[in-house]
Amino acid sequence: MPPSSAPRPIILGMTGASGADYGLRLLYCLLEAGQPVQLLLSKAAQIVISMETDLRLPGRARDIQQVLTEHYRCAAGQLRVYGQDEWTAPPASGSALAQAMVVCPCTTGALAAIANGNSDNLLERAADVSLKEGRRLILAVRETPLSVIHLENMLRLARAGAIILPTNPGFYYRPATAAELVDFIVARILDQLGIAHTLLPRWGEDADSEVPAV
């Protein structure tokens, strides 16, 4: 058994919303910080990753795990990838301890399923477990415009303890690249997880800088 001082894993779920770079950048930052990660990829997420990035993932979870471990050069065993039908995987049970869960990016379909406790796949079940165990659940919703149904699902989840963190980057620090916009959202997620980072300057850090009025 691992020592009790070992960090609890963070569960990262990626769904088929546009914005695969948000999830992949978050994965990189978590691994760089030495965090063990349990990655749950939907089939749609794999398709979107191939559409929006140069990363090509195989179909099987174990093969994906090997590819990403090599791609990010993380320690052996630090990253675990589970298929959506692996009901014996640790994220499916509250008895398997986890630090928190993030769904990034999160489709409004996944949002609805989690809000209604559907648990039809491992990602939905892991989110349900996070809520029932009182663990931090962060949903990085990527959709616009939002319907009343979307908003009601967000309110329901917020009342249940989830953190709704839409992928709406700020511009007050004058980003010059798309990567900087991605880092803005990833930085906010890392803040919610309590993980130190230097992705972007914090508000008021540089007293000499001129910040435009909001």
N, C-alpha and C. Protein backbone atom coordinates (compact mmCIF):
# COMPACT_ATOMS: atom_id res chain seq x y z
N MET A 1 0.84 -1.19 0.00
CA MET A 1 0.00 0.00 0.00
C MET A 1 0.87 1.25 0.00
N PRO A 2 0.42 2.34 -0.68
CA PRO A 2 1.20 3.57 -0.66
C PRO A 2 1.17 4.19 0.72
N PRO A 3 2.19 4.96 1.09
CA PRO A 3 2.20 5.60 2.40
C PRO A 3 1.07 6.59 2.53
N SER A 4 0.61 6.81 3.77
CA SER A 4 -0.52 7.70 4.00
C SER A 4 -0.22 9.13 3.59
N SER A 5 1.09 9.48 3.51
CA SER A 5 1.48 10.84 3.14
C SER A 5 1.42 11.07 1.64
N ALA A 6 1.24 10.02 0.87
CA ALA A 6 1.18 10.15 -0.58
C ALA A 6 -0.03 10.99 -0.97
N PRO A 7 0.12 11.90 -1.95
CA PRO A 7 -1.02 12.75 -2.33
C PRO A 7 -2.15 11.92 -2.94
N ARG A 8 -3.36 12.30 -2.60
CA ARG A 8 -4.51 11.64 -3.20
C ARG A 8 -4.64 12.04 -4.66
N PRO A 9 -5.10 11.15 -5.51
CA PRO A 9 -5.19 11.49 -6.93
C PRO A 9 -6.27 12.54 -7.20
N ILE A 10 -6.07 13.26 -8.26
CA ILE A 10 -7.09 14.16 -8.80
C ILE A 10 -7.69 13.48 -10.02
N ILE A 11 -9.00 13.40 -10.05
CA ILE A 11 -9.70 12.81 -11.19
C ILE A 11 -9.95 13.89 -12.22
N LEU A 12 -9.51 13.66 -13.44
CA LEU A 12 -9.74 14.61 -14.53
C LEU A 12 -10.60 13.94 -15.59
N GLY A 13 -11.79 14.48 -15.79
CA GLY A 13 -12.67 13.99 -16.84
C GLY A 13 -12.66 14.95 -18.01
N MET A 14 -12.57 14.42 -19.21
CA MET A 14 -12.64 15.24 -20.42
C MET A 14 -13.78 14.73 -21.28
N THR A 15 -14.69 15.63 -21.65
CA THR A 15 -15.83 15.28 -22.49
C THR A 15 -15.63 15.88 -23.88
N GLY A 16 -16.64 15.76 -24.72
CA GLY A 16 -16.50 16.14 -26.11
C GLY A 16 -16.76 17.59 -26.44
N ALA A 17 -16.74 18.48 -25.46
CA ALA A 17 -16.89 19.90 -25.76
C ALA A 17 -15.65 20.42 -26.47
N SER A 18 -15.82 21.44 -27.28
CA SER A 18 -14.66 22.10 -27.87
C SER A 18 -13.83 22.71 -26.75
N GLY A 19 -12.52 22.74 -26.97
CA GLY A 19 -11.63 23.25 -25.94
C GLY A 19 -10.77 22.17 -25.32
N ALA A 20 -10.35 21.21 -26.15
CA ALA A 20 -9.52 20.12 -25.66
C ALA A 20 -8.23 20.62 -25.01
N ASP A 21 -7.71 21.75 -25.51
CA ASP A 21 -6.46 22.29 -24.96
C ASP A 21 -6.60 22.66 -23.49
N TYR A 22 -7.79 23.03 -23.06
CA TYR A 22 -7.99 23.32 -21.64
C TYR A 22 -7.66 22.08 -20.80
N GLY A 23 -8.25 20.96 -21.17
CA GLY A 23 -8.04 19.73 -20.42
C GLY A 23 -6.62 19.22 -20.52
N LEU A 24 -6.04 19.27 -21.70
CA LEU A 24 -4.68 18.76 -21.89
C LEU A 24 -3.65 19.63 -21.16
N ARG A 25 -3.85 20.93 -21.19
CA ARG A 25 -2.94 21.82 -20.47
C ARG A 25 -3.07 21.61 -18.95
N LEU A 26 -4.29 21.41 -18.49
CA LEU A 26 -4.50 21.13 -17.07
C LEU A 26 -3.82 19.82 -16.69
N LEU A 27 -3.95 18.81 -17.54
CA LEU A 27 -3.30 17.53 -17.27
C LEU A 27 -1.80 17.71 -17.15
N TYR A 28 -1.21 18.45 -18.06
CA TYR A 28 0.23 18.70 -18.02
C TYR A 28 0.63 19.38 -16.71
N CYS A 29 -0.12 20.42 -16.31
CA CYS A 29 0.22 21.17 -15.11
C CYS A 29 0.09 20.31 -13.85
N LEU A 30 -0.92 19.47 -13.81
CA LEU A 30 -1.09 18.58 -12.66
C LEU A 30 0.07 17.60 -12.55
N LEU A 31 0.45 17.03 -13.68
CA LEU A 31 1.56 16.08 -13.68
C LEU A 31 2.87 16.77 -13.32
N GLU A 32 3.08 17.98 -13.83
CA GLU A 32 4.29 18.74 -13.52
C GLU A 32 4.37 19.07 -12.04
N ALA A 33 3.20 19.24 -11.41
CA ALA A 33 3.15 19.55 -9.98
C ALA A 33 3.33 18.31 -9.12
N GLY A 34 3.48 17.14 -9.77
CA GLY A 34 3.68 15.91 -9.02
C GLY A 34 2.40 15.26 -8.54
N GLN A 35 1.27 15.71 -9.07
CA GLN A 35 -0.01 15.16 -8.66
C GLN A 35 -0.31 13.86 -9.40
N PRO A 36 -0.72 12.82 -8.71
CA PRO A 36 -1.24 11.64 -9.41
C PRO A 36 -2.59 12.00 -10.02
N VAL A 37 -2.82 11.52 -11.23
CA VAL A 37 -4.05 11.87 -11.97
C VAL A 37 -4.72 10.60 -12.48
N GLN A 38 -6.02 10.54 -12.30
CA GLN A 38 -6.85 9.50 -12.90
C GLN A 38 -7.65 10.16 -14.01
N LEU A 39 -7.36 9.79 -15.25
CA LEU A 39 -7.95 10.44 -16.41
C LEU A 39 -9.10 9.62 -16.98
N LEU A 40 -10.24 10.28 -17.16
CA LEU A 40 -11.43 9.65 -17.73
C LEU A 40 -11.79 10.39 -19.01
N LEU A 41 -11.64 9.72 -20.14
CA LEU A 41 -11.90 10.32 -21.45
C LEU A 41 -13.15 9.72 -22.07
N SER A 42 -14.06 10.58 -22.49
CA SER A 42 -15.20 10.08 -23.24
C SER A 42 -14.76 9.81 -24.68
N LYS A 43 -15.54 9.03 -25.41
CA LYS A 43 -15.23 8.77 -26.82
C LYS A 43 -15.23 10.06 -27.61
N ALA A 44 -16.19 10.93 -27.30
CA ALA A 44 -16.28 12.21 -28.00
C ALA A 44 -15.06 13.07 -27.70
N ALA A 45 -14.54 12.99 -26.48
CA ALA A 45 -13.35 13.75 -26.13
C ALA A 45 -12.16 13.32 -26.98
N GLN A 46 -12.03 12.03 -27.21
CA GLN A 46 -10.93 11.54 -28.04
C GLN A 46 -11.03 12.08 -29.46
N ILE A 47 -12.26 12.16 -29.97
CA ILE A 47 -12.47 12.69 -31.32
C ILE A 47 -12.11 14.17 -31.37
N VAL A 48 -12.55 14.94 -30.37
CA VAL A 48 -12.29 16.37 -30.35
C VAL A 48 -10.79 16.63 -30.21
N ILE A 49 -10.10 15.84 -29.40
CA ILE A 49 -8.65 15.99 -29.25
C ILE A 49 -7.96 15.83 -30.59
N SER A 50 -8.40 14.85 -31.39
CA SER A 50 -7.78 14.64 -32.71
C SER A 50 -8.13 15.76 -33.68
N MET A 51 -9.29 16.40 -33.49
CA MET A 51 -9.70 17.50 -34.37
C MET A 51 -8.99 18.80 -34.03
N GLU A 52 -8.79 19.04 -32.73
CA GLU A 52 -8.32 20.36 -32.29
C GLU A 52 -6.83 20.41 -31.97
N THR A 53 -6.18 19.25 -31.87
CA THR A 53 -4.75 19.23 -31.52
C THR A 53 -4.02 18.26 -32.44
N ASP A 54 -2.71 18.23 -32.30
CA ASP A 54 -1.89 17.29 -33.07
C ASP A 54 -1.72 15.96 -32.37
N LEU A 55 -2.33 15.82 -31.20
CA LEU A 55 -2.19 14.59 -30.42
C LEU A 55 -3.11 13.51 -30.99
N ARG A 56 -2.57 12.35 -31.21
CA ARG A 56 -3.35 11.22 -31.71
C ARG A 56 -3.35 10.11 -30.67
N LEU A 57 -4.53 9.78 -30.19
CA LEU A 57 -4.65 8.79 -29.12
C LEU A 57 -5.22 7.49 -29.66
N PRO A 58 -4.71 6.36 -29.16
CA PRO A 58 -5.28 5.07 -29.55
C PRO A 58 -6.65 4.88 -28.89
N GLY A 59 -7.30 3.78 -29.19
CA GLY A 59 -8.65 3.57 -28.70
C GLY A 59 -8.75 3.04 -27.29
N ARG A 60 -7.81 2.18 -26.88
CA ARG A 60 -7.91 1.52 -25.57
C ARG A 60 -7.29 2.36 -24.48
N ALA A 61 -7.92 2.32 -23.29
CA ALA A 61 -7.48 3.14 -22.17
C ALA A 61 -6.02 2.87 -21.80
N ARG A 62 -5.62 1.60 -21.75
CA ARG A 62 -4.24 1.28 -21.36
C ARG A 62 -3.24 1.81 -22.38
N ASP A 63 -3.61 1.77 -23.66
CA ASP A 63 -2.73 2.31 -24.70
C ASP A 63 -2.65 3.83 -24.61
N ILE A 64 -3.77 4.47 -24.31
CA ILE A 64 -3.78 5.92 -24.11
C ILE A 64 -2.87 6.29 -22.95
N GLN A 65 -2.95 5.51 -21.88
CA GLN A 65 -2.12 5.76 -20.70
C GLN A 65 -0.64 5.71 -21.07
N GLN A 66 -0.24 4.74 -21.85
CA GLN A 66 1.16 4.63 -22.25
C GLN A 66 1.58 5.80 -23.12
N VAL A 67 0.72 6.18 -24.08
CA VAL A 67 1.05 7.30 -24.98
C VAL A 67 1.19 8.60 -24.19
N LEU A 68 0.25 8.88 -23.28
CA LEU A 68 0.30 10.13 -22.53
C LEU A 68 1.42 10.14 -21.50
N THR A 69 1.73 8.99 -20.92
CA THR A 69 2.85 8.92 -19.98
C THR A 69 4.15 9.27 -20.69
N GLU A 70 4.32 8.77 -21.90
CA GLU A 70 5.51 9.09 -22.68
C GLU A 70 5.48 10.54 -23.17
N HIS A 71 4.29 11.00 -23.58
CA HIS A 71 4.15 12.35 -24.12
C HIS A 71 4.49 13.41 -23.07
N TYR A 72 4.01 13.20 -21.85
CA TYR A 72 4.24 14.17 -20.78
C TYR A 72 5.45 13.84 -19.91
N ARG A 73 6.07 12.69 -20.19
CA ARG A 73 7.28 12.27 -19.48
C ARG A 73 7.07 12.28 -17.96
N CYS A 74 5.93 11.76 -17.54
CA CYS A 74 5.64 11.72 -16.12
C CYS A 74 6.13 10.41 -15.52
N ALA A 75 6.14 10.36 -14.20
CA ALA A 75 6.63 9.18 -13.50
C ALA A 75 5.72 7.99 -13.76
N ALA A 76 6.30 6.82 -13.75
CA ALA A 76 5.52 5.60 -13.95
C ALA A 76 4.47 5.49 -12.85
N GLY A 77 3.24 5.26 -13.26
CA GLY A 77 2.15 5.10 -12.31
C GLY A 77 1.51 6.41 -11.88
N GLN A 78 2.09 7.54 -12.27
CA GLN A 78 1.50 8.83 -11.87
C GLN A 78 0.20 9.10 -12.59
N LEU A 79 0.09 8.64 -13.83
CA LEU A 79 -1.11 8.82 -14.63
C LEU A 79 -1.80 7.49 -14.85
N ARG A 80 -3.08 7.43 -14.53
CA ARG A 80 -3.90 6.26 -14.80
C ARG A 80 -5.06 6.67 -15.69
N VAL A 81 -5.29 5.93 -16.73
CA VAL A 81 -6.39 6.21 -17.66
C VAL A 81 -7.38 5.06 -17.59
N TYR A 82 -8.66 5.38 -17.43
CA TYR A 82 -9.70 4.36 -17.31
C TYR A 82 -10.77 4.57 -18.39
N GLY A 83 -11.25 3.45 -18.92
CA GLY A 83 -12.32 3.49 -19.90
C GLY A 83 -13.66 3.80 -19.25
N GLN A 84 -14.60 4.27 -20.05
CA GLN A 84 -15.89 4.69 -19.53
C GLN A 84 -16.74 3.55 -19.00
N ASP A 85 -16.39 2.31 -19.32
CA ASP A 85 -17.14 1.16 -18.82
C ASP A 85 -16.38 0.37 -17.76
N GLU A 86 -15.29 0.92 -17.24
CA GLU A 86 -14.50 0.23 -16.21
C GLU A 86 -15.09 0.51 -14.83
N TRP A 87 -16.14 -0.22 -14.51
CA TRP A 87 -16.87 0.03 -13.27
C TRP A 87 -16.10 -0.42 -12.03
N THR A 88 -15.03 -1.18 -12.20
CA THR A 88 -14.21 -1.58 -11.05
C THR A 88 -13.05 -0.60 -10.82
N ALA A 89 -12.97 0.45 -11.61
CA ALA A 89 -11.91 1.45 -11.44
C ALA A 89 -12.15 2.25 -10.16
N PRO A 90 -11.09 2.73 -9.51
CA PRO A 90 -11.23 3.46 -8.25
C PRO A 90 -12.23 4.62 -8.27
N PRO A 91 -12.31 5.44 -9.34
CA PRO A 91 -13.23 6.58 -9.29
C PRO A 91 -14.70 6.19 -9.14
N ALA A 92 -15.03 4.91 -9.34
CA ALA A 92 -16.43 4.49 -9.27
C ALA A 92 -16.93 4.33 -7.84
N SER A 93 -16.04 4.40 -6.86
CA SER A 93 -16.44 4.13 -5.48
C SER A 93 -15.92 5.20 -4.53
N GLY A 94 -16.76 5.55 -3.56
CA GLY A 94 -16.36 6.52 -2.56
C GLY A 94 -15.31 5.98 -1.61
N SER A 95 -15.14 4.66 -1.54
CA SER A 95 -14.14 4.07 -0.65
C SER A 95 -12.73 4.27 -1.18
N ALA A 96 -12.61 4.57 -2.47
CA ALA A 96 -11.31 4.88 -3.06
C ALA A 96 -11.10 6.39 -2.94
N LEU A 97 -10.16 6.80 -2.13
CA LEU A 97 -10.00 8.22 -1.83
C LEU A 97 -9.44 9.00 -3.02
N ALA A 98 -9.99 10.18 -3.22
CA ALA A 98 -9.51 11.10 -4.24
C ALA A 98 -9.51 12.50 -3.65
N GLN A 99 -8.63 13.33 -4.15
CA GLN A 99 -8.54 14.70 -3.64
C GLN A 99 -9.68 15.56 -4.18
N ALA A 100 -9.95 15.46 -5.47
CA ALA A 100 -10.97 16.29 -6.11
C ALA A 100 -11.20 15.74 -7.51
N MET A 101 -12.21 16.30 -8.18
CA MET A 101 -12.48 15.94 -9.56
C MET A 101 -12.73 17.19 -10.38
N VAL A 102 -12.20 17.20 -11.59
CA VAL A 102 -12.43 18.29 -12.53
C VAL A 102 -12.94 17.69 -13.83
N VAL A 103 -13.99 18.27 -14.38
CA VAL A 103 -14.43 17.90 -15.73
C VAL A 103 -14.11 19.09 -16.62
N CYS A 104 -13.13 18.91 -17.52
CA CYS A 104 -12.62 20.02 -18.31
C CYS A 104 -12.13 19.53 -19.67
N PRO A 105 -12.77 19.93 -20.75
CA PRO A 105 -13.99 20.73 -20.80
C PRO A 105 -15.21 19.86 -20.49
N CYS A 106 -16.27 20.55 -20.06
CA CYS A 106 -17.51 19.86 -19.68
C CYS A 106 -18.63 20.24 -20.64
N THR A 107 -19.20 19.27 -21.32
CA THR A 107 -20.33 19.54 -22.19
C THR A 107 -21.58 19.79 -21.34
N THR A 108 -22.57 20.43 -21.95
CA THR A 108 -23.83 20.62 -21.24
C THR A 108 -24.57 19.29 -21.10
N GLY A 109 -24.24 18.32 -21.97
CA GLY A 109 -24.81 16.98 -21.82
C GLY A 109 -24.28 16.30 -20.56
N ALA A 110 -22.97 16.38 -20.34
CA ALA A 110 -22.38 15.83 -19.12
C ALA A 110 -22.89 16.59 -17.91
N LEU A 111 -23.02 17.90 -18.05
CA LEU A 111 -23.57 18.72 -16.97
C LEU A 111 -24.95 18.22 -16.56
N ALA A 112 -25.81 17.97 -17.54
CA ALA A 112 -27.17 17.50 -17.26
C ALA A 112 -27.15 16.13 -16.61
N ALA A 113 -26.31 15.24 -17.12
CA ALA A 113 -26.24 13.89 -16.56
C ALA A 113 -25.78 13.92 -15.10
N ILE A 114 -24.79 14.75 -14.82
CA ILE A 114 -24.29 14.85 -13.44
C ILE A 114 -25.34 15.49 -12.54
N ALA A 115 -26.03 16.51 -13.05
CA ALA A 115 -27.05 17.19 -12.26
C ALA A 115 -28.19 16.25 -11.89
N ASN A 116 -28.45 15.26 -12.74
CA ASN A 116 -29.55 14.33 -12.49
C ASN A 116 -29.10 12.99 -11.92
N GLY A 117 -27.79 12.87 -11.63
CA GLY A 117 -27.28 11.65 -11.02
C GLY A 117 -27.41 10.42 -11.89
N ASN A 118 -27.26 10.58 -13.19
CA ASN A 118 -27.48 9.45 -14.11
C ASN A 118 -26.48 8.32 -13.91
N SER A 119 -25.20 8.65 -13.80
CA SER A 119 -24.13 7.64 -13.60
C SER A 119 -24.18 6.54 -14.66
N ASP A 120 -24.35 6.92 -15.91
CA ASP A 120 -24.41 5.95 -17.00
C ASP A 120 -23.03 5.53 -17.50
N ASN A 121 -21.99 6.24 -17.09
CA ASN A 121 -20.62 5.86 -17.45
C ASN A 121 -19.71 6.23 -16.28
N LEU A 122 -18.44 5.88 -16.38
CA LEU A 122 -17.52 6.07 -15.27
C LEU A 122 -17.34 7.54 -14.92
N LEU A 123 -17.29 8.42 -15.92
CA LEU A 123 -17.12 9.84 -15.65
C LEU A 123 -18.30 10.38 -14.85
N GLU A 124 -19.51 10.05 -15.27
CA GLU A 124 -20.70 10.51 -14.56
C GLU A 124 -20.75 9.93 -13.15
N ARG A 125 -20.39 8.67 -13.01
CA ARG A 125 -20.39 8.03 -11.71
C ARG A 125 -19.35 8.67 -10.79
N ALA A 126 -18.17 8.97 -11.32
CA ALA A 126 -17.12 9.59 -10.52
C ALA A 126 -17.56 10.96 -10.02
N ALA A 127 -18.26 11.71 -10.87
CA ALA A 127 -18.78 13.02 -10.45
C ALA A 127 -19.84 12.85 -9.37
N ASP A 128 -20.69 11.84 -9.53
CA ASP A 128 -21.72 11.56 -8.53
C ASP A 128 -21.09 11.19 -7.19
N VAL A 129 -20.02 10.39 -7.25
CA VAL A 129 -19.30 10.01 -6.04
C VAL A 129 -18.69 11.25 -5.37
N SER A 130 -18.13 12.14 -6.18
CA SER A 130 -17.52 13.36 -5.62
C SER A 130 -18.55 14.17 -4.85
N LEU A 131 -19.75 14.29 -5.39
CA LEU A 131 -20.80 15.05 -4.72
C LEU A 131 -21.25 14.36 -3.43
N LYS A 132 -21.48 13.06 -3.52
CA LYS A 132 -22.01 12.37 -2.34
C LYS A 132 -20.99 12.28 -1.22
N GLU A 133 -19.70 12.29 -1.57
CA GLU A 133 -18.65 12.21 -0.56
C GLU A 133 -18.21 13.60 -0.08
N GLY A 134 -18.80 14.64 -0.63
CA GLY A 134 -18.45 16.00 -0.23
C GLY A 134 -17.09 16.45 -0.70
N ARG A 135 -16.61 15.88 -1.82
CA ARG A 135 -15.32 16.27 -2.38
C ARG A 135 -15.51 17.38 -3.40
N ARG A 136 -14.44 18.10 -3.65
CA ARG A 136 -14.51 19.20 -4.60
C ARG A 136 -14.76 18.68 -6.01
N LEU A 137 -15.77 19.24 -6.67
CA LEU A 137 -16.10 18.90 -8.05
C LEU A 137 -16.15 20.19 -8.85
N ILE A 138 -15.25 20.32 -9.82
CA ILE A 138 -15.15 21.52 -10.64
C ILE A 138 -15.59 21.19 -12.05
N LEU A 139 -16.55 21.94 -12.57
CA LEU A 139 -17.08 21.70 -13.90
C LEU A 139 -16.74 22.90 -14.79
N ALA A 140 -15.81 22.71 -15.72
CA ALA A 140 -15.40 23.78 -16.64
C ALA A 140 -16.28 23.70 -17.88
N VAL A 141 -17.44 24.33 -17.79
CA VAL A 141 -18.45 24.23 -18.85
C VAL A 141 -18.03 25.06 -20.05
N ARG A 142 -18.14 24.46 -21.23
CA ARG A 142 -17.76 25.15 -22.48
C ARG A 142 -18.97 25.13 -23.41
N GLU A 143 -19.77 26.18 -23.35
CA GLU A 143 -20.95 26.29 -24.22
C GLU A 143 -21.42 27.73 -24.23
N THR A 144 -21.96 28.18 -25.36
CA THR A 144 -22.57 29.50 -25.43
C THR A 144 -23.46 29.55 -26.67
N PRO A 145 -24.62 30.21 -26.61
CA PRO A 145 -25.24 30.76 -25.42
C PRO A 145 -25.80 29.64 -24.54
N LEU A 146 -26.22 30.01 -23.34
CA LEU A 146 -26.74 29.04 -22.39
C LEU A 146 -28.26 29.12 -22.33
N SER A 147 -28.89 27.97 -22.41
CA SER A 147 -30.35 27.92 -22.31
C SER A 147 -30.78 27.90 -20.85
N VAL A 148 -32.07 28.06 -20.62
CA VAL A 148 -32.60 27.97 -19.26
C VAL A 148 -32.30 26.61 -18.65
N ILE A 149 -32.35 25.56 -19.48
CA ILE A 149 -32.05 24.21 -18.99
C ILE A 149 -30.61 24.15 -18.48
N HIS A 150 -29.67 24.70 -19.24
CA HIS A 150 -28.26 24.71 -18.83
C HIS A 150 -28.10 25.46 -17.50
N LEU A 151 -28.73 26.61 -17.42
CA LEU A 151 -28.60 27.45 -16.23
C LEU A 151 -29.22 26.78 -15.00
N GLU A 152 -30.36 26.13 -15.20
CA GLU A 152 -30.99 25.43 -14.08
C GLU A 152 -30.14 24.25 -13.61
N ASN A 153 -29.50 23.56 -14.55
CA ASN A 153 -28.61 22.45 -14.16
C ASN A 153 -27.40 22.97 -13.40
N MET A 154 -26.87 24.11 -13.83
CA MET A 154 -25.74 24.72 -13.12
C MET A 154 -26.15 25.10 -11.70
N LEU A 155 -27.31 25.71 -11.57
CA LEU A 155 -27.78 26.12 -10.24
C LEU A 155 -27.99 24.90 -9.34
N ARG A 156 -28.56 23.85 -9.90
CA ARG A 156 -28.77 22.63 -9.13
C ARG A 156 -27.45 22.06 -8.64
N LEU A 157 -26.46 22.04 -9.50
CA LEU A 157 -25.15 21.50 -9.12
C LEU A 157 -24.43 22.41 -8.13
N ALA A 158 -24.55 23.72 -8.32
CA ALA A 158 -23.93 24.65 -7.38
C ALA A 158 -24.52 24.47 -5.99
N ARG A 159 -25.81 24.27 -5.93
CA ARG A 159 -26.47 24.05 -4.64
C ARG A 159 -26.04 22.72 -4.01
N ALA A 160 -25.65 21.77 -4.87
CA ALA A 160 -25.19 20.46 -4.37
C ALA A 160 -23.73 20.49 -3.96
N GLY A 161 -23.05 21.61 -4.22
CA GLY A 161 -21.66 21.74 -3.79
C GLY A 161 -20.64 21.81 -4.90
N ALA A 162 -21.06 21.66 -6.15
CA ALA A 162 -20.11 21.72 -7.27
C ALA A 162 -19.69 23.17 -7.53
N ILE A 163 -18.51 23.32 -8.14
CA ILE A 163 -18.02 24.63 -8.55
C ILE A 163 -18.19 24.75 -10.06
N ILE A 164 -18.97 25.71 -10.49
CA ILE A 164 -19.19 25.93 -11.92
C ILE A 164 -18.16 26.96 -12.39
N LEU A 165 -17.27 26.53 -13.26
CA LEU A 165 -16.16 27.38 -13.71
C LEU A 165 -16.17 27.43 -15.24
N PRO A 166 -16.99 28.31 -15.82
CA PRO A 166 -17.07 28.39 -17.28
C PRO A 166 -15.71 28.77 -17.88
N THR A 167 -15.47 28.31 -19.08
CA THR A 167 -14.19 28.60 -19.75
C THR A 167 -14.26 29.98 -20.40
N ASN A 168 -14.34 31.01 -19.56
CA ASN A 168 -14.42 32.40 -20.01
C ASN A 168 -13.16 33.14 -19.56
N PRO A 169 -12.14 33.20 -20.39
CA PRO A 169 -10.88 33.83 -19.96
C PRO A 169 -11.01 35.34 -19.85
N GLY A 170 -10.15 35.94 -19.01
CA GLY A 170 -10.09 37.39 -18.88
C GLY A 170 -9.07 37.97 -19.86
N PHE A 171 -9.17 39.27 -20.06
CA PHE A 171 -8.28 39.94 -21.02
C PHE A 171 -7.51 41.10 -20.39
N TYR A 172 -7.68 41.34 -19.08
CA TYR A 172 -7.07 42.50 -18.45
C TYR A 172 -5.54 42.41 -18.39
N TYR A 173 -4.98 41.20 -18.54
CA TYR A 173 -3.52 41.06 -18.53
C TYR A 173 -2.96 41.05 -19.95
N ARG A 174 -3.81 41.36 -20.92
CA ARG A 174 -3.43 41.54 -22.32
C ARG A 174 -2.76 40.31 -22.92
N PRO A 175 -3.46 39.20 -23.00
CA PRO A 175 -2.88 37.99 -23.60
C PRO A 175 -2.57 38.21 -25.07
N ALA A 176 -1.48 37.62 -25.51
CA ALA A 176 -1.05 37.77 -26.91
C ALA A 176 -1.27 36.51 -27.73
N THR A 177 -1.53 35.39 -27.07
CA THR A 177 -1.69 34.12 -27.77
C THR A 177 -2.89 33.35 -27.23
N ALA A 178 -3.35 32.39 -28.01
CA ALA A 178 -4.42 31.51 -27.55
C ALA A 178 -3.98 30.70 -26.34
N ALA A 179 -2.71 30.33 -26.30
CA ALA A 179 -2.18 29.55 -25.18
C ALA A 179 -2.31 30.32 -23.88
N GLU A 180 -2.14 31.63 -23.92
CA GLU A 180 -2.28 32.45 -22.71
C GLU A 180 -3.73 32.49 -22.24
N LEU A 181 -4.67 32.46 -23.18
CA LEU A 181 -6.08 32.41 -22.82
C LEU A 181 -6.41 31.07 -22.16
N VAL A 182 -5.84 30.00 -22.68
CA VAL A 182 -6.01 28.68 -22.07
C VAL A 182 -5.45 28.69 -20.66
N ASP A 183 -4.26 29.27 -20.49
CA ASP A 183 -3.62 29.30 -19.18
C ASP A 183 -4.44 30.07 -18.16
N PHE A 184 -5.19 31.08 -18.59
CA PHE A 184 -6.03 31.83 -17.66
C PHE A 184 -7.03 30.90 -16.98
N ILE A 185 -7.68 30.05 -17.77
CA ILE A 185 -8.67 29.13 -17.21
C ILE A 185 -8.00 28.05 -16.38
N VAL A 186 -6.93 27.50 -16.89
CA VAL A 186 -6.21 26.45 -16.16
C VAL A 186 -5.72 26.99 -14.82
N ALA A 187 -5.25 28.23 -14.81
CA ALA A 187 -4.79 28.84 -13.56
C ALA A 187 -5.92 28.93 -12.55
N ARG A 188 -7.11 29.29 -13.00
CA ARG A 188 -8.26 29.39 -12.07
C ARG A 188 -8.63 28.02 -11.51
N ILE A 189 -8.52 27.00 -12.35
CA ILE A 189 -8.81 25.64 -11.87
C ILE A 189 -7.77 25.21 -10.84
N LEU A 190 -6.50 25.47 -11.13
CA LEU A 190 -5.44 25.11 -10.18
C LEU A 190 -5.62 25.85 -8.86
N ASP A 191 -6.06 27.10 -8.92
CA ASP A 191 -6.34 27.85 -7.69
C ASP A 191 -7.42 27.15 -6.87
N GLN A 192 -8.47 26.70 -7.55
CA GLN A 192 -9.55 26.01 -6.85
C GLN A 192 -9.07 24.70 -6.23
N LEU A 193 -8.07 24.09 -6.84
CA LEU A 193 -7.51 22.84 -6.32
C LEU A 193 -6.43 23.07 -5.26
N GLY A 194 -6.03 24.32 -5.09
CA GLY A 194 -4.99 24.63 -4.12
C GLY A 194 -3.60 24.22 -4.56
N ILE A 195 -3.38 24.23 -5.88
CA ILE A 195 -2.08 23.84 -6.44
C ILE A 195 -1.34 25.08 -6.92
N ALA A 196 -0.13 25.27 -6.43
CA ALA A 196 0.66 26.45 -6.78
C ALA A 196 1.03 26.44 -8.26
N HIS A 197 1.10 27.62 -8.84
CA HIS A 197 1.47 27.75 -10.25
C HIS A 197 1.96 29.16 -10.51
N THR A 198 2.58 29.33 -11.68
CA THR A 198 3.04 30.65 -12.13
C THR A 198 2.58 30.89 -13.56
N LEU A 199 1.38 30.49 -13.87
CA LEU A 199 0.89 30.57 -15.25
C LEU A 199 0.65 32.00 -15.69
N LEU A 200 0.27 32.87 -14.76
CA LEU A 200 0.02 34.25 -15.13
C LEU A 200 0.12 35.11 -13.87
N PRO A 201 0.39 36.41 -14.05
CA PRO A 201 0.50 37.29 -12.87
C PRO A 201 -0.86 37.44 -12.20
N ARG A 202 -0.82 37.59 -10.88
CA ARG A 202 -2.06 37.77 -10.13
C ARG A 202 -2.42 39.26 -10.05
N TRP A 203 -3.70 39.50 -9.90
CA TRP A 203 -4.20 40.86 -9.85
C TRP A 203 -3.50 41.63 -8.72
N GLY A 204 -2.92 42.80 -9.06
CA GLY A 204 -2.28 43.65 -8.07
C GLY A 204 -0.87 43.26 -7.71
N GLU A 205 -0.31 42.21 -8.33
CA GLU A 205 1.05 41.80 -8.00
C GLU A 205 2.06 42.87 -8.38
N ASP A 206 1.88 43.48 -9.55
CA ASP A 206 2.82 44.50 -10.03
C ASP A 206 2.17 45.86 -9.84
N ALA A 207 2.54 46.54 -8.79
CA ALA A 207 1.91 47.82 -8.49
C ALA A 207 2.23 48.89 -9.51
N ASP A 208 3.33 48.71 -10.27
CA ASP A 208 3.73 49.72 -11.25
C ASP A 208 3.06 49.55 -12.60
N SER A 209 2.39 48.39 -12.79
CA SER A 209 1.76 48.15 -14.09
C SER A 209 0.47 48.92 -14.19
N GLU A 210 0.13 49.30 -15.38
CA GLU A 210 -1.12 50.02 -15.64
C GLU A 210 -2.19 49.03 -16.03
N VAL A 211 -3.20 48.92 -15.20
CA VAL A 211 -4.30 48.00 -15.48
C VAL A 211 -5.51 48.81 -15.88
N PRO A 212 -6.08 48.55 -17.05
CA PRO A 212 -7.24 49.31 -17.47
C PRO A 212 -8.42 49.09 -16.54
N ALA A 213 -9.26 50.09 -16.40
CA ALA A 213 -10.45 49.98 -15.55
C ALA A 213 -11.37 48.91 -16.08
N VAL A 214 -11.97 48.16 -15.17
CA VAL A 214 -12.90 47.08 -15.55
C VAL A 214 -14.28 47.67 -15.75
